[in-house]
């Protein structure tokens, strides 16, 4: 059982609601409390509240756990119109998927291996991008399927059968189909709206365009080190000579990066 104190009898309300110092200085309620406090408890105001619950007031609350993330036609996980860049959109999708992975308690098959804390992995980014593509494809129509020759892949995403279907790069021979919309705009913006412009490609030098014998005009570069074992482990570098006309290459092994070692390698190449 508890009692209710009216605002007019509550000194704490003076401080919480704010009053002028002059009013507080002359306030009997602030310094002495309500007048009935000096009387026995039996004479205090009778305003008791029990724990009775009126019928019809109580509401039943249920807990719903999401175990699958899907993007059906017309379903958008996040409002893509709120994002000004593709990276911000993908990062938001990553955190949404992390939240779903946590609350699902391992019951969501598509998010079992999703990183639940720390830095996101490349696999997480791949899942987020596929979910973004699924959102972008929520408005694919039958006309689009027939016009662009769309087919579904193993992830139930629409891909286009282009002319590069025999390429070994999967996203080159069968690129994802993105409907016109905000996501398509963000993808285009990522590549076109950049803080700098690509420089104009200069003309090829005469050495590249003039017919000549193989390795008459060359370029050279070094790469390494690489560890090799011949009884004991040691470092080796490789000098790569390329023909500027035929694009043929020749490689020589170097024991170190000194000028003497390079000259020996160059003499072997010339001979």
C-alpha atoms as a PDB file:
ATOM      1  CA  UNK A   1       0.000   0.000   0.000  1.00  0.00           C
ATOM      2  CA  UNK A   2       1.282   3.474  -0.803  1.00  0.00           C
ATOM      3  CA  UNK A   3       0.083   7.073  -0.554  1.00  0.00           C
ATOM      4  CA  UNK A   4      -0.060   9.817  -3.127  1.00  0.00           C
ATOM      5  CA  UNK A   5       1.224  13.318  -2.330  1.00  0.00           C
ATOM      6  CA  UNK A   6      -0.440  16.145  -4.214  1.00  0.00           C
ATOM      7  CA  UNK A   7       1.690  18.704  -6.015  1.00  0.00           C
ATOM      8  CA  UNK A   8       0.481  21.423  -3.654  1.00  0.00           C
ATOM      9  CA  UNK A   9       1.846  19.420  -0.699  1.00  0.00           C
ATOM     10  CA  UNK A  10       5.117  18.235  -2.292  1.00  0.00           C
ATOM     11  CA  UNK A  11       8.206  20.389  -1.454  1.00  0.00           C
ATOM     12  CA  UNK A  12      10.280  18.603  -4.102  1.00  0.00           C
ATOM     13  CA  UNK A  13       8.092  20.088  -6.830  1.00  0.00           C
ATOM     14  CA  UNK A  14       9.318  23.560  -5.937  1.00  0.00           C
ATOM     15  CA  UNK A  15      12.905  22.624  -6.824  1.00  0.00           C
ATOM     16  CA  UNK A  16      12.092  20.453  -9.824  1.00  0.00           C
ATOM     17  CA  UNK A  17       9.659  22.906 -11.417  1.00  0.00           C
ATOM     18  CA  UNK A  18      11.759  25.976 -10.614  1.00  0.00           C
ATOM     19  CA  UNK A  19      10.867  29.037  -8.486  1.00  0.00           C
ATOM     20  CA  UNK A  20      12.460  32.389  -7.768  1.00  0.00           C
ATOM     21  CA  UNK A  21      14.819  32.568  -4.757  1.00  0.00           C
ATOM     22  CA  UNK A  22      12.545  35.138  -3.117  1.00  0.00           C
ATOM     23  CA  UNK A  23       9.556  32.789  -3.320  1.00  0.00           C
ATOM     24  CA  UNK A  24      11.616  29.866  -2.045  1.00  0.00           C
ATOM     25  CA  UNK A  25      12.913  31.937   0.874  1.00  0.00           C
ATOM     26  CA  UNK A  26       9.407  32.725   2.127  1.00  0.00           C
ATOM     27  CA  UNK A  27       7.899  29.307   1.321  1.00  0.00           C
ATOM     28  CA  UNK A  28       6.595  27.488   4.380  1.00  0.00           C
ATOM     29  CA  UNK A  29       6.125  24.333   2.298  1.00  0.00           C
ATOM     30  CA  UNK A  30       9.840  24.310   1.401  1.00  0.00           C
ATOM     31  CA  UNK A  31      11.111  24.867   4.946  1.00  0.00           C
ATOM     32  CA  UNK A  32       8.493  23.003   6.992  1.00  0.00           C
ATOM     33  CA  UNK A  33       6.742  20.653   4.599  1.00  0.00           C
ATOM     34  CA  UNK A  34       2.960  20.268   4.310  1.00  0.00           C
ATOM     35  CA  UNK A  35       0.925  21.357   7.318  1.00  0.00           C
ATOM     36  CA  UNK A  36      -0.504  17.886   7.983  1.00  0.00           C
ATOM     37  CA  UNK A  37       2.970  16.428   8.569  1.00  0.00           C
ATOM     38  CA  UNK A  38       2.881  17.614  12.219  1.00  0.00           C
ATOM     39  CA  UNK A  39      -0.212  15.529  12.916  1.00  0.00           C
ATOM     40  CA  UNK A  40      -0.319  11.790  13.618  1.00  0.00           C
ATOM     41  CA  UNK A  41      -0.442   9.442  10.659  1.00  0.00           C
ATOM     42  CA  UNK A  42      -4.084   8.707  11.342  1.00  0.00           C
ATOM     43  CA  UNK A  43      -4.947  12.312  10.521  1.00  0.00           C
ATOM     44  CA  UNK A  44      -3.055  12.416   7.197  1.00  0.00           C
ATOM     45  CA  UNK A  45      -5.109  12.766   4.009  1.00  0.00           C
ATOM     46  CA  UNK A  46      -6.747   9.490   2.990  1.00  0.00           C
ATOM     47  CA  UNK A  47      -5.835   8.941  -0.656  1.00  0.00           C
ATOM     48  CA  UNK A  48      -4.859   5.315  -0.876  1.00  0.00           C
ATOM     49  CA  UNK A  49      -4.191   3.350  -4.046  1.00  0.00           C
ATOM     50  CA  UNK A  50      -4.294  -0.394  -4.079  1.00  0.00           C
ATOM     51  CA  UNK A  51      -2.895  -2.871  -6.582  1.00  0.00           C
ATOM     52  CA  UNK A  52      -6.230  -3.643  -8.181  1.00  0.00           C
ATOM     53  CA  UNK A  53      -6.152  -3.979 -11.955  1.00  0.00           C
ATOM     54  CA  UNK A  54      -9.334  -3.009 -13.696  1.00  0.00           C
ATOM     55  CA  UNK A  55     -10.672  -5.503 -16.170  1.00  0.00           C
ATOM     56  CA  UNK A  56      -9.873  -4.516 -19.725  1.00  0.00           C
ATOM     57  CA  UNK A  57      -6.842  -2.410 -18.780  1.00  0.00           C
ATOM     58  CA  UNK A  58      -4.260  -5.189 -18.830  1.00  0.00           C
ATOM     59  CA  UNK A  59      -2.604  -5.854 -22.204  1.00  0.00           C
ATOM     60  CA  UNK A  60      -0.926  -9.080 -23.193  1.00  0.00           C
ATOM     61  CA  UNK A  61       2.544  -8.584 -24.669  1.00  0.00           C
ATOM     62  CA  UNK A  62       4.161 -11.197 -26.876  1.00  0.00           C
ATOM     63  CA  UNK A  63       7.727 -11.573 -28.084  1.00  0.00           C
ATOM     64  CA  UNK A  64       8.261 -12.196 -31.774  1.00  0.00           C
ATOM     65  CA  UNK A  65      11.646 -13.448 -32.918  1.00  0.00           C
ATOM     66  CA  UNK A  66      12.699 -12.987 -36.523  1.00  0.00           C
ATOM     67  CA  UNK A  67      14.471 -16.072 -37.798  1.00  0.00           C
ATOM     68  CA  UNK A  68      14.832 -15.223 -41.469  1.00  0.00           C
ATOM     69  CA  UNK A  69      15.755 -12.108 -43.406  1.00  0.00           C
ATOM     70  CA  UNK A  70      14.072 -11.888 -46.749  1.00  0.00           C
ATOM     71  CA  UNK A  71      13.291  -9.091 -49.121  1.00  0.00           C
ATOM     72  CA  UNK A  72      10.069  -9.858 -50.900  1.00  0.00           C
ATOM     73  CA  UNK A  73       8.752  -7.725 -53.702  1.00  0.00           C
ATOM     74  CA  UNK A  74       8.217  -4.192 -52.448  1.00  0.00           C
ATOM     75  CA  UNK A  75      10.013  -4.833 -49.135  1.00  0.00           C
ATOM     76  CA  UNK A  76      12.799  -2.407 -48.188  1.00  0.00           C
ATOM     77  CA  UNK A  77      14.986  -3.117 -45.127  1.00  0.00           C
ATOM     78  CA  UNK A  78      16.227   0.490 -44.858  1.00  0.00           C
ATOM     79  CA  UNK A  79      15.100   3.754 -46.414  1.00  0.00           C
ATOM     80  CA  UNK A  80      17.658   4.135 -49.204  1.00  0.00           C
ATOM     81  CA  UNK A  81      16.550   7.712 -49.904  1.00  0.00           C
ATOM     82  CA  UNK A  82      18.208   8.823 -46.656  1.00  0.00           C
ATOM     83  CA  UNK A  83      21.715   7.928 -47.848  1.00  0.00           C
ATOM     84  CA  UNK A  84      24.025  10.086 -49.932  1.00  0.00           C
ATOM     85  CA  UNK A  85      26.682   7.452 -50.644  1.00  0.00           C
ATOM     86  CA  UNK A  86      26.825   3.746 -51.385  1.00  0.00           C
ATOM     87  CA  UNK A  87      29.300   3.043 -48.582  1.00  0.00           C
ATOM     88  CA  UNK A  88      27.007   4.569 -45.932  1.00  0.00           C
ATOM     89  CA  UNK A  89      24.128   2.433 -47.191  1.00  0.00           C
ATOM     90  CA  UNK A  90      26.193  -0.767 -47.075  1.00  0.00           C
ATOM     91  CA  UNK A  91      27.484   0.038 -43.564  1.00  0.00           C
ATOM     92  CA  UNK A  92      23.933   0.570 -42.319  1.00  0.00           C
ATOM     93  CA  UNK A  93      22.815  -2.731 -43.849  1.00  0.00           C
ATOM     94  CA  UNK A  94      25.776  -4.427 -42.121  1.00  0.00           C
ATOM     95  CA  UNK A  95      24.672  -3.180 -38.693  1.00  0.00           C
ATOM     96  CA  UNK A  96      21.052  -4.136 -39.371  1.00  0.00           C
ATOM     97  CA  UNK A  97      22.160  -7.660 -40.294  1.00  0.00           C
ATOM     98  CA  UNK A  98      24.376  -7.831 -37.186  1.00  0.00           C
ATOM     99  CA  UNK A  99      21.388  -6.896 -35.034  1.00  0.00           C
ATOM    100  CA  UNK A 100      19.262  -9.564 -36.712  1.00  0.00           C
ATOM    101  CA  UNK A 101      22.029 -12.134 -36.231  1.00  0.00           C
ATOM    102  CA  UNK A 102      22.102 -11.370 -32.496  1.00  0.00           C
ATOM    103  CA  UNK A 103      18.361 -11.392 -31.837  1.00  0.00           C
ATOM    104  CA  UNK A 104      17.767 -14.529 -33.903  1.00  0.00           C
ATOM    105  CA  UNK A 105      19.905 -16.547 -31.511  1.00  0.00           C
ATOM    106  CA  UNK A 106      21.448 -18.641 -34.277  1.00  0.00           C
ATOM    107  CA  UNK A 107      18.061 -19.619 -35.732  1.00  0.00           C
ATOM    108  CA  UNK A 108      18.562 -17.625 -38.934  1.00  0.00           C
ATOM    109  CA  UNK A 109      20.396 -19.915 -41.333  1.00  0.00           C
ATOM    110  CA  UNK A 110      21.613 -17.084 -43.566  1.00  0.00           C
ATOM    111  CA  UNK A 111      23.248 -15.256 -40.627  1.00  0.00           C
ATOM    112  CA  UNK A 112      24.786 -18.115 -38.645  1.00  0.00           C
ATOM    113  CA  UNK A 113      28.336 -17.137 -39.677  1.00  0.00           C
ATOM    114  CA  UNK A 114      27.732 -13.375 -39.581  1.00  0.00           C
ATOM    115  CA  UNK A 115      30.220 -11.470 -37.374  1.00  0.00           C
ATOM    116  CA  UNK A 116      28.410 -10.459 -34.187  1.00  0.00           C
ATOM    117  CA  UNK A 117      31.116  -8.183 -32.747  1.00  0.00           C
ATOM    118  CA  UNK A 118      34.299  -6.472 -33.854  1.00  0.00           C
ATOM    119  CA  UNK A 119      35.237  -5.637 -37.423  1.00  0.00           C
ATOM    120  CA  UNK A 120      33.151  -6.893 -40.318  1.00  0.00           C
ATOM    121  CA  UNK A 121      34.687  -9.500 -42.611  1.00  0.00           C
ATOM    122  CA  UNK A 122      34.705  -9.656 -46.398  1.00  0.00           C
ATOM    123  CA  UNK A 123      32.017 -12.347 -46.164  1.00  0.00           C
ATOM    124  CA  UNK A 124      29.812  -9.941 -44.170  1.00  0.00           C
ATOM    125  CA  UNK A 125      30.248  -7.266 -46.837  1.00  0.00           C
ATOM    126  CA  UNK A 126      29.345  -9.789 -49.522  1.00  0.00           C
ATOM    127  CA  UNK A 127      26.113 -10.704 -47.709  1.00  0.00           C
ATOM    128  CA  UNK A 128      25.252  -7.021 -47.214  1.00  0.00           C
ATOM    129  CA  UNK A 129      25.808  -6.277 -50.906  1.00  0.00           C
ATOM    130  CA  UNK A 130      23.611  -9.200 -51.922  1.00  0.00           C
ATOM    131  CA  UNK A 131      20.863  -7.957 -49.613  1.00  0.00           C
ATOM    132  CA  UNK A 132      21.233  -4.488 -51.146  1.00  0.00           C
ATOM    133  CA  UNK A 133      20.921  -6.009 -54.635  1.00  0.00           C
ATOM    134  CA  UNK A 134      17.827  -7.915 -53.500  1.00  0.00           C
ATOM    135  CA  UNK A 135      16.307  -4.633 -52.336  1.00  0.00           C
ATOM    136  CA  UNK A 136      17.165  -2.994 -55.665  1.00  0.00           C
ATOM    137  CA  UNK A 137      15.563  -5.898 -57.530  1.00  0.00           C
ATOM    138  CA  UNK A 138      12.299  -5.700 -55.596  1.00  0.00           C
ATOM    139  CA  UNK A 139      10.654  -3.933 -58.556  1.00  0.00           C
ATOM    140  CA  UNK A 140      11.791  -6.267 -61.356  1.00  0.00           C
ATOM    141  CA  UNK A 141       8.948  -6.699 -63.833  1.00  0.00           C
ATOM    142  CA  UNK A 142       8.198  -9.366 -66.395  1.00  0.00           C
ATOM    143  CA  UNK A 143       9.055  -6.829 -69.079  1.00  0.00           C
ATOM    144  CA  UNK A 144      12.562  -6.417 -67.609  1.00  0.00           C
ATOM    145  CA  UNK A 145      13.049 -10.195 -67.516  1.00  0.00           C
ATOM    146  CA  UNK A 146      12.164 -10.578 -71.186  1.00  0.00           C
ATOM    147  CA  UNK A 147      13.981  -7.448 -72.376  1.00  0.00           C
ATOM    148  CA  UNK A 148      17.321  -8.119 -70.672  1.00  0.00           C
ATOM    149  CA  UNK A 149      17.255 -11.922 -70.593  1.00  0.00           C
ATOM    150  CA  UNK A 150      17.345 -12.141 -66.799  1.00  0.00           C
ATOM    151  CA  UNK A 151      17.897 -15.428 -64.961  1.00  0.00           C
ATOM    152  CA  UNK A 152      18.027 -16.257 -61.259  1.00  0.00           C
ATOM    153  CA  UNK A 153      21.259 -17.470 -59.684  1.00  0.00           C
ATOM    154  CA  UNK A 154      21.826 -19.735 -56.669  1.00  0.00           C
ATOM    155  CA  UNK A 155      21.040 -16.809 -54.300  1.00  0.00           C
ATOM    156  CA  UNK A 156      17.715 -16.135 -56.081  1.00  0.00           C
ATOM    157  CA  UNK A 157      19.064 -12.857 -57.507  1.00  0.00           C
ATOM    158  CA  UNK A 158      18.444 -11.666 -61.041  1.00  0.00           C
ATOM    159  CA  UNK A 159      21.448 -11.680 -63.383  1.00  0.00           C
ATOM    160  CA  UNK A 160      21.769 -10.664 -67.008  1.00  0.00           C
ATOM    161  CA  UNK A 161      22.961 -13.050 -69.723  1.00  0.00           C
ATOM    162  CA  UNK A 162      25.437 -10.762 -71.437  1.00  0.00           C
ATOM    163  CA  UNK A 163      27.849 -11.333 -74.292  1.00  0.00           C
ATOM    164  CA  UNK A 164      30.711 -12.099 -71.877  1.00  0.00           C
ATOM    165  CA  UNK A 165      29.144 -15.269 -70.509  1.00  0.00           C
ATOM    166  CA  UNK A 166      32.314 -17.324 -71.156  1.00  0.00           C
ATOM    167  CA  UNK A 167      34.458 -15.030 -69.021  1.00  0.00           C
ATOM    168  CA  UNK A 168      35.926 -16.580 -65.875  1.00  0.00           C
ATOM    169  CA  UNK A 169      34.972 -13.545 -63.780  1.00  0.00           C
ATOM    170  CA  UNK A 170      31.486 -14.372 -62.518  1.00  0.00           C
ATOM    171  CA  UNK A 171      30.275 -10.785 -62.090  1.00  0.00           C
ATOM    172  CA  UNK A 172      31.570  -9.942 -65.570  1.00  0.00           C
ATOM    173  CA  UNK A 173      29.812 -12.664 -67.523  1.00  0.00           C
ATOM    174  CA  UNK A 174      26.613 -12.561 -65.414  1.00  0.00           C
ATOM    175  CA  UNK A 175      26.289  -9.089 -63.822  1.00  0.00           C
ATOM    176  CA  UNK A 176      23.520  -8.344 -61.319  1.00  0.00           C
ATOM    177  CA  UNK A 177      20.530  -6.488 -62.716  1.00  0.00           C
ATOM    178  CA  UNK A 178      19.795  -3.252 -60.834  1.00  0.00           C
ATOM    179  CA  UNK A 179      16.445  -1.528 -61.363  1.00  0.00           C
ATOM    180  CA  UNK A 180      16.275   2.209 -61.840  1.00  0.00           C
ATOM    181  CA  UNK A 181      16.081   3.869 -58.445  1.00  0.00           C
ATOM    182  CA  UNK A 182      18.054   5.327 -55.560  1.00  0.00           C
ATOM    183  CA  UNK A 183      20.435   2.347 -55.247  1.00  0.00           C
ATOM    184  CA  UNK A 184      21.300   2.563 -58.942  1.00  0.00           C
ATOM    185  CA  UNK A 185      21.969   6.290 -58.491  1.00  0.00           C
ATOM    186  CA  UNK A 186      24.314   5.617 -55.555  1.00  0.00           C
ATOM    187  CA  UNK A 187      26.246   3.010 -57.552  1.00  0.00           C
ATOM    188  CA  UNK A 188      26.707   5.429 -60.454  1.00  0.00           C
ATOM    189  CA  UNK A 189      27.590   8.246 -58.055  1.00  0.00           C
ATOM    190  CA  UNK A 190      30.352   6.191 -56.454  1.00  0.00           C
ATOM    191  CA  UNK A 191      32.230   6.013 -59.753  1.00  0.00           C
ATOM    192  CA  UNK A 192      31.302   9.313 -61.404  1.00  0.00           C
ATOM    193  CA  UNK A 193      31.044  11.837 -58.555  1.00  0.00           C
ATOM    194  CA  UNK A 194      34.562  11.674 -57.111  1.00  0.00           C
ATOM    195  CA  UNK A 195      36.741  14.428 -55.590  1.00  0.00           C
ATOM    196  CA  UNK A 196      39.135  14.286 -58.529  1.00  0.00           C
ATOM    197  CA  UNK A 197      39.003  13.591 -62.235  1.00  0.00           C
ATOM    198  CA  UNK A 198      40.943  10.890 -63.978  1.00  0.00           C
ATOM    199  CA  UNK A 199      43.791  12.427 -66.010  1.00  0.00           C
ATOM    200  CA  UNK A 200      43.586  12.358 -69.767  1.00  0.00           C
ATOM    201  CA  UNK A 201      45.334   9.275 -71.092  1.00  0.00           C
ATOM    202  CA  UNK A 202      48.475  10.373 -72.972  1.00  0.00           C
ATOM    203  CA  UNK A 203      49.369   8.953 -76.400  1.00  0.00           C
ATOM    204  CA  UNK A 204      51.506   5.845 -76.533  1.00  0.00           C
ATOM    205  CA  UNK A 205      55.238   6.577 -76.876  1.00  0.00           C
ATOM    206  CA  UNK A 206      56.890   5.833 -80.245  1.00  0.00           C
ATOM    207  CA  UNK A 207      58.775   2.913 -78.671  1.00  0.00           C
ATOM    208  CA  UNK A 208      55.452   1.133 -78.130  1.00  0.00           C
ATOM    209  CA  UNK A 209      54.143   1.696 -81.653  1.00  0.00           C
ATOM    210  CA  UNK A 210      57.224   1.235 -83.845  1.00  0.00           C
ATOM    211  CA  UNK A 211      57.812  -2.274 -85.183  1.00  0.00           C
ATOM    212  CA  UNK A 212      61.121  -3.668 -83.903  1.00  0.00           C
ATOM    213  CA  UNK A 213      62.818  -6.926 -82.954  1.00  0.00           C
ATOM    214  CA  UNK A 214      61.739  -8.609 -79.678  1.00  0.00           C
ATOM    215  CA  UNK A 215      63.370  -7.048 -76.587  1.00  0.00           C
ATOM    216  CA  UNK A 216      64.972  -4.282 -78.649  1.00  0.00           C
ATOM    217  CA  UNK A 217      63.039  -1.824 -76.525  1.00  0.00           C
ATOM    218  CA  UNK A 218      62.394  -3.007 -72.982  1.00  0.00           C
ATOM    219  CA  UNK A 219      61.135  -2.036 -69.572  1.00  0.00           C
ATOM    220  CA  UNK A 220      62.377  -3.559 -66.315  1.00  0.00           C
ATOM    221  CA  UNK A 221      60.934  -3.963 -62.831  1.00  0.00           C
ATOM    222  CA  UNK A 222      61.834  -5.895 -59.690  1.00  0.00           C
ATOM    223  CA  UNK A 223      59.562  -7.797 -57.315  1.00  0.00           C
ATOM    224  CA  UNK A 224      60.122  -9.751 -54.129  1.00  0.00           C
ATOM    225  CA  UNK A 225      61.563 -10.816 -51.803  1.00  0.00           C
ATOM    226  CA  UNK A 226      60.528 -14.446 -51.910  1.00  0.00           C
ATOM    227  CA  UNK A 227      61.754 -17.124 -49.532  1.00  0.00           C
ATOM    228  CA  UNK A 228      63.439 -20.121 -51.157  1.00  0.00           C
ATOM    229  CA  UNK A 229      64.930 -23.228 -49.597  1.00  0.00           C
ATOM    230  CA  UNK A 230      68.162 -24.787 -50.795  1.00  0.00           C
ATOM    231  CA  UNK A 231      69.368 -26.454 -47.640  1.00  0.00           C
ATOM    232  CA  UNK A 232      68.791 -23.184 -45.801  1.00  0.00           C
ATOM    233  CA  UNK A 233      66.083 -20.562 -46.277  1.00  0.00           C
ATOM    234  CA  UNK A 234      67.133 -17.367 -48.038  1.00  0.00           C
ATOM    235  CA  UNK A 235      65.581 -14.397 -49.830  1.00  0.00           C
ATOM    236  CA  UNK A 236      65.511 -13.982 -53.591  1.00  0.00           C
ATOM    237  CA  UNK A 237      64.312 -11.188 -55.872  1.00  0.00           C
ATOM    238  CA  UNK A 238      63.196 -11.360 -59.500  1.00  0.00           C
ATOM    239  CA  UNK A 239      64.051  -8.931 -62.301  1.00  0.00           C
ATOM    240  CA  UNK A 240      61.277  -8.821 -64.892  1.00  0.00           C
ATOM    241  CA  UNK A 241      62.160  -7.593 -68.393  1.00  0.00           C
ATOM    242  CA  UNK A 242      59.277  -6.836 -70.753  1.00  0.00           C
ATOM    243  CA  UNK A 243      59.328  -6.078 -74.471  1.00  0.00           C
ATOM    244  CA  UNK A 244      57.516  -2.802 -75.170  1.00  0.00           C
ATOM    245  CA  UNK A 245      56.346  -3.947 -78.613  1.00  0.00           C
ATOM    246  CA  UNK A 246      55.517  -7.662 -78.385  1.00  0.00           C
ATOM    247  CA  UNK A 247      54.737  -7.607 -74.607  1.00  0.00           C
ATOM    248  CA  UNK A 248      56.890 -10.728 -74.132  1.00  0.00           C
ATOM    249  CA  UNK A 249      58.561 -11.086 -70.721  1.00  0.00           C
ATOM    250  CA  UNK A 250      61.792 -12.583 -69.380  1.00  0.00           C
ATOM    251  CA  UNK A 251      62.605 -13.140 -65.681  1.00  0.00           C
ATOM    252  CA  UNK A 252      65.964 -13.511 -63.916  1.00  0.00           C
ATOM    253  CA  UNK A 253      66.647 -14.370 -60.261  1.00  0.00           C
ATOM    254  CA  UNK A 254      68.665 -11.927 -58.117  1.00  0.00           C
ATOM    255  CA  UNK A 255      70.375 -12.801 -54.822  1.00  0.00           C
ATOM    256  CA  UNK A 256      70.084  -9.264 -53.435  1.00  0.00           C
ATOM    257  CA  UNK A 257      69.057  -5.726 -54.395  1.00  0.00           C
ATOM    258  CA  UNK A 258      72.544  -4.316 -54.950  1.00  0.00           C
ATOM    259  CA  UNK A 259      73.608  -2.595 -58.171  1.00  0.00           C
ATOM    260  CA  UNK A 260      76.255  -5.278 -58.741  1.00  0.00           C
ATOM    261  CA  UNK A 261      73.645  -8.055 -58.529  1.00  0.00           C
ATOM    262  CA  UNK A 262      71.399  -6.212 -60.992  1.00  0.00           C
ATOM    263  CA  UNK A 263      74.235  -5.694 -63.494  1.00  0.00           C
ATOM    264  CA  UNK A 264      75.030  -9.407 -63.370  1.00  0.00           C
ATOM    265  CA  UNK A 265      71.355 -10.161 -63.979  1.00  0.00           C
ATOM    266  CA  UNK A 266      71.228  -7.672 -66.858  1.00  0.00           C
ATOM    267  CA  UNK A 267      74.306  -9.239 -68.505  1.00  0.00           C
ATOM    268  CA  UNK A 268      72.684 -12.677 -68.293  1.00  0.00           C
ATOM    269  CA  UNK A 269      69.575 -11.274 -69.926  1.00  0.00           C
ATOM    270  CA  UNK A 270      71.517  -9.592 -72.753  1.00  0.00           C
ATOM    271  CA  UNK A 271      73.589 -12.677 -73.446  1.00  0.00           C
END
